Protein backbone atom coordinates (compact mmCIF):
# COMPACT_ATOMS: atom_id res chain seq x y z
CA MET A 1 11.51 38.60 5.70
CA MET A 2 10.19 35.33 4.28
CA ASN A 3 11.71 32.05 5.34
CA ARG A 4 13.49 30.10 2.65
CA PRO A 5 11.75 26.85 1.70
CA THR A 6 13.34 23.75 3.20
CA PRO A 7 14.70 20.95 0.98
CA LEU A 8 11.71 18.85 2.07
CA GLU A 9 9.28 21.59 1.02
CA ILE A 10 11.01 21.99 -2.34
CA GLU A 11 10.98 18.28 -3.18
CA LEU A 12 7.42 17.58 -2.05
CA GLY A 13 6.19 20.74 -3.75
CA GLN A 14 7.18 19.32 -7.12
CA LEU A 15 5.10 16.15 -6.76
CA THR A 16 1.46 15.32 -7.28
CA ALA A 17 -0.29 13.50 -4.46
CA TYR A 18 -0.07 10.25 -6.44
CA GLU A 19 3.67 10.69 -7.02
CA ALA A 20 4.25 11.65 -3.40
CA ALA A 21 2.37 8.59 -2.12
CA ALA A 22 5.07 6.46 -3.76
CA ARG A 23 7.94 8.80 -2.86
CA LEU A 24 7.12 8.59 0.84
CA ILE A 25 7.26 4.78 0.92
CA GLY A 26 10.50 3.73 2.60
CA GLY A 27 10.99 7.15 4.17
CA HIS A 28 11.23 7.63 7.92
CA ILE A 29 9.00 9.29 10.47
CA ILE A 30 10.94 10.38 13.57
CA VAL A 31 9.09 11.38 16.74
CA ARG A 32 10.51 12.75 19.96
CA ARG A 33 8.07 11.68 22.67
CA TYR A 34 8.39 11.45 26.45
CA GLY A 35 12.16 11.75 26.25
CA GLN A 36 12.39 8.99 23.61
CA VAL A 37 13.25 9.20 19.94
CA LEU A 38 11.08 6.82 17.92
CA ARG A 39 12.02 6.05 14.34
CA CYS A 40 9.65 4.32 11.90
CA GLN A 41 9.60 3.40 8.23
CA ILE A 42 6.63 4.39 6.08
CA VAL A 43 5.17 1.27 4.44
CA GLU A 44 1.67 2.36 3.36
CA THR A 45 0.18 5.63 2.12
CA GLU A 46 -2.87 7.00 0.29
CA ALA A 47 -3.04 9.97 -2.08
CA TYR A 48 -5.72 12.71 -1.98
CA ASP A 49 -6.07 15.92 -3.98
CA ALA A 50 -8.67 18.57 -4.80
CA SER A 51 -9.86 16.73 -7.94
CA ASP A 52 -10.86 13.75 -5.82
CA PRO A 53 -14.39 13.61 -4.29
CA ALA A 54 -12.99 11.56 -1.38
CA SER A 55 -10.55 14.32 -0.43
CA HIS A 56 -11.17 16.89 2.30
CA SER A 57 -10.01 19.52 -0.21
CA PHE A 58 -12.56 18.67 -2.92
CA LYS A 59 -14.91 21.55 -2.06
CA GLY A 60 -12.14 24.08 -1.49
CA PRO A 61 -10.48 25.57 1.61
CA THR A 62 -12.24 25.41 4.97
CA LYS A 63 -11.19 26.02 8.55
CA ARG A 64 -10.59 22.29 8.94
CA ASN A 65 -8.59 21.64 5.77
CA ARG A 66 -6.74 24.94 5.25
CA VAL A 67 -3.37 23.30 6.00
CA MET A 68 -3.85 21.20 2.83
CA PHE A 69 -3.76 24.44 0.82
CA GLY A 70 -0.62 25.73 2.53
CA PRO A 71 3.07 25.01 2.00
CA PRO A 72 4.14 21.41 1.24
CA GLY A 73 6.09 19.50 3.84
CA ARG A 74 3.63 20.29 6.61
CA ALA A 75 1.60 17.86 8.72
CA TYR A 76 -2.13 17.87 8.13
CA VAL A 77 -3.66 16.23 11.21
CA TYR A 78 -7.41 15.83 11.51
CA PHE A 79 -9.82 14.32 14.02
CA THR A 80 -12.28 11.73 12.74
CA TYR A 81 -15.17 9.62 14.04
CA GLY A 82 -15.02 11.58 17.30
CA MET A 83 -12.08 9.56 18.56
CA HIS A 84 -9.18 9.19 16.12
CA TYR A 85 -6.45 11.39 14.63
CA CYS A 86 -4.95 10.85 11.18
CA LEU A 87 -1.57 12.08 9.95
CA ASN A 88 -1.12 13.41 6.41
CA VAL A 89 1.79 15.04 4.60
CA VAL A 90 0.93 18.12 2.54
CA VAL A 91 2.39 17.89 -0.96
CA GLY A 92 2.21 19.62 -4.33
CA ARG A 93 2.31 23.31 -5.06
CA GLU A 94 0.86 25.63 -2.44
CA SER A 95 -2.92 26.03 -2.84
CA SER A 96 -3.27 22.68 -4.66
CA GLY A 97 -5.07 20.98 -1.76
CA SER A 98 -2.97 17.81 -2.01
CA ALA A 99 -1.91 15.51 0.80
CA VAL A 100 -0.83 11.94 1.47
CA LEU A 101 -2.31 9.95 4.34
CA ILE A 102 0.19 7.87 6.32
CA ARG A 103 -1.60 4.54 6.76
CA ALA A 104 1.04 2.25 8.28
CA LEU A 105 4.56 2.30 9.71
CA LYS A 106 7.22 -0.23 10.61
CA PRO A 107 8.90 0.45 13.98
CA LEU A 108 12.67 0.72 13.59
CA SER A 109 14.17 2.01 16.85
CA GLY A 110 13.13 3.32 20.24
CA PHE A 111 10.23 0.87 20.62
CA ASP A 112 11.75 -1.92 22.74
CA ASP A 113 9.96 -0.98 25.97
CA ILE A 114 6.68 -0.37 24.16
CA ILE A 115 6.80 -3.73 22.40
CA LYS A 116 7.72 -5.60 25.59
CA SER A 117 4.77 -4.06 27.43
CA ARG A 118 2.25 -5.28 24.85
CA PRO A 119 0.33 -8.51 25.58
CA SER A 120 1.12 -9.90 22.11
CA ASN A 121 4.78 -8.83 22.25
CA LYS A 122 4.53 -8.24 18.48
CA ASP A 123 5.97 -5.29 16.60
CA ASN A 124 3.64 -5.39 13.60
CA ASP A 125 0.25 -4.67 15.15
CA PHE A 126 0.41 -1.23 16.76
CA LEU A 127 1.44 1.08 13.92
CA ASN A 128 -0.53 -0.72 11.20
CA GLY A 129 -3.36 1.74 10.71
CA PRO A 130 -3.77 5.53 10.57
CA ALA A 131 -5.55 5.75 13.94
CA LYS A 132 -3.21 3.27 15.66
CA LEU A 133 -0.04 5.04 14.60
CA THR A 134 -1.17 8.48 15.73
CA LYS A 135 -2.29 7.10 19.09
CA ASN A 136 0.96 5.23 19.74
CA LEU A 137 3.15 8.09 18.52
CA ALA A 138 1.15 10.74 20.46
CA ILE A 139 0.26 12.68 17.31
CA ASP A 140 -2.73 14.99 17.69
CA LEU A 141 -4.13 18.35 16.55
CA SER A 142 -1.30 20.21 18.28
CA LEU A 143 0.86 19.10 15.32
CA ASN A 144 -1.54 20.24 12.62
CA GLY A 145 0.45 22.56 10.32
CA HIS A 146 3.77 21.45 11.84
CA ASP A 147 6.86 21.80 9.62
CA LEU A 148 7.98 18.19 9.11
CA SER A 149 11.62 19.20 8.78
CA SER A 150 11.73 20.03 12.51
CA GLU A 151 11.18 18.32 15.87
CA PRO A 152 9.19 16.84 17.47
CA LEU A 153 7.86 15.23 14.27
CA ILE A 154 10.25 14.82 11.35
CA LEU A 155 9.82 13.32 7.90
CA GLU A 156 13.08 12.04 6.44
CA LEU A 157 13.05 11.11 2.76
CA LEU A 158 15.52 8.43 1.70
CA GLU A 159 16.45 7.20 -1.76
CA PRO A 160 13.35 6.61 -3.91
CA LEU A 161 12.33 2.97 -4.22
CA LYS A 162 12.16 1.17 -7.53
CA PRO A 163 8.66 0.98 -9.07
CA ASP A 164 8.53 -2.80 -8.62
CA GLU A 165 9.05 -2.38 -4.86
CA ILE A 166 5.68 -0.62 -4.53
CA ILE A 167 2.24 -2.16 -5.00
CA TRP A 168 -0.79 -0.01 -5.80
CA SER A 169 -4.37 -0.79 -4.80
CA LYS A 170 -7.70 0.88 -4.14
CA ARG A 171 -7.87 3.07 -1.05
CA ILE A 172 -9.43 1.77 2.16
CA GLY A 173 -12.95 2.77 3.19
CA ILE A 174 -13.75 4.88 0.13
CA ARG A 175 -17.33 4.57 -1.15
CA GLU A 176 -17.83 3.65 -4.79
CA SER A 177 -19.44 7.03 -5.48
CA VAL A 178 -16.44 9.03 -4.24
CA GLY A 179 -13.27 7.70 -5.81
CA HIS A 180 -13.42 4.02 -4.92
CA GLU A 181 -12.02 3.07 -8.32
CA LEU A 182 -8.76 5.01 -7.93
CA HIS A 183 -5.68 2.91 -7.20
CA TRP A 184 -4.09 5.57 -5.00
CA ARG A 185 -2.98 3.37 -2.09
CA ALA A 186 0.77 2.66 -2.18
CA CYS A 187 2.28 -0.22 -0.18
CA LEU A 188 5.79 -1.53 0.34
CA LYS A 189 5.88 -4.88 -1.41
CA GLY A 190 6.06 -7.85 0.96
CA SER A 191 5.73 -5.78 4.14
CA PRO A 192 4.04 -7.53 7.10
CA TYR A 193 3.29 -4.12 8.64
CA LEU A 194 0.45 -3.03 6.32
CA SER A 195 -2.89 -1.97 7.78
CA ARG A 196 -4.69 -4.44 5.53
CA GLY A 197 -3.72 -7.11 3.03
CA LEU A 198 -3.54 -6.49 -0.70
């Protein structure tokens, strides 16, 4: 018996990577870690799909990227540069090879002790980058393929933002020969929690 698709899977399955990059802005990531529940707001994303030379899915399914070709609403977590993990949300129809990279988050609740223990005592400098946020939220390859409608890692979509609340720019670290010109980075306008300025 096949499982029924979740509401998250249904909604994300109807969107292109570009559309989903905007749809995720303002949504929440909720992580249960070490007995704590950490809630964050998504403030920066990047879109990737199989038509894009910068995407892991560009050359088709592989052992590493196969989650990108699976059901939407799953976490695609990969290891990069021999030291960092990155969190993506699989979107689009199954087999499309589309995903959205979560680049930066704003901490909302559950972070008081973590913030107090930091030398800077700031709340805008430890989730502002794809490697930083996975490290501080304890997200690793064990969550690759995880259904984001269930614990310990949940994606909660809220009301879509208005178009003028989102700013688009070129993606970070993409070489000119592989999609540098695409404005597929979505950012929450005015947010001090972005990984890099606009």
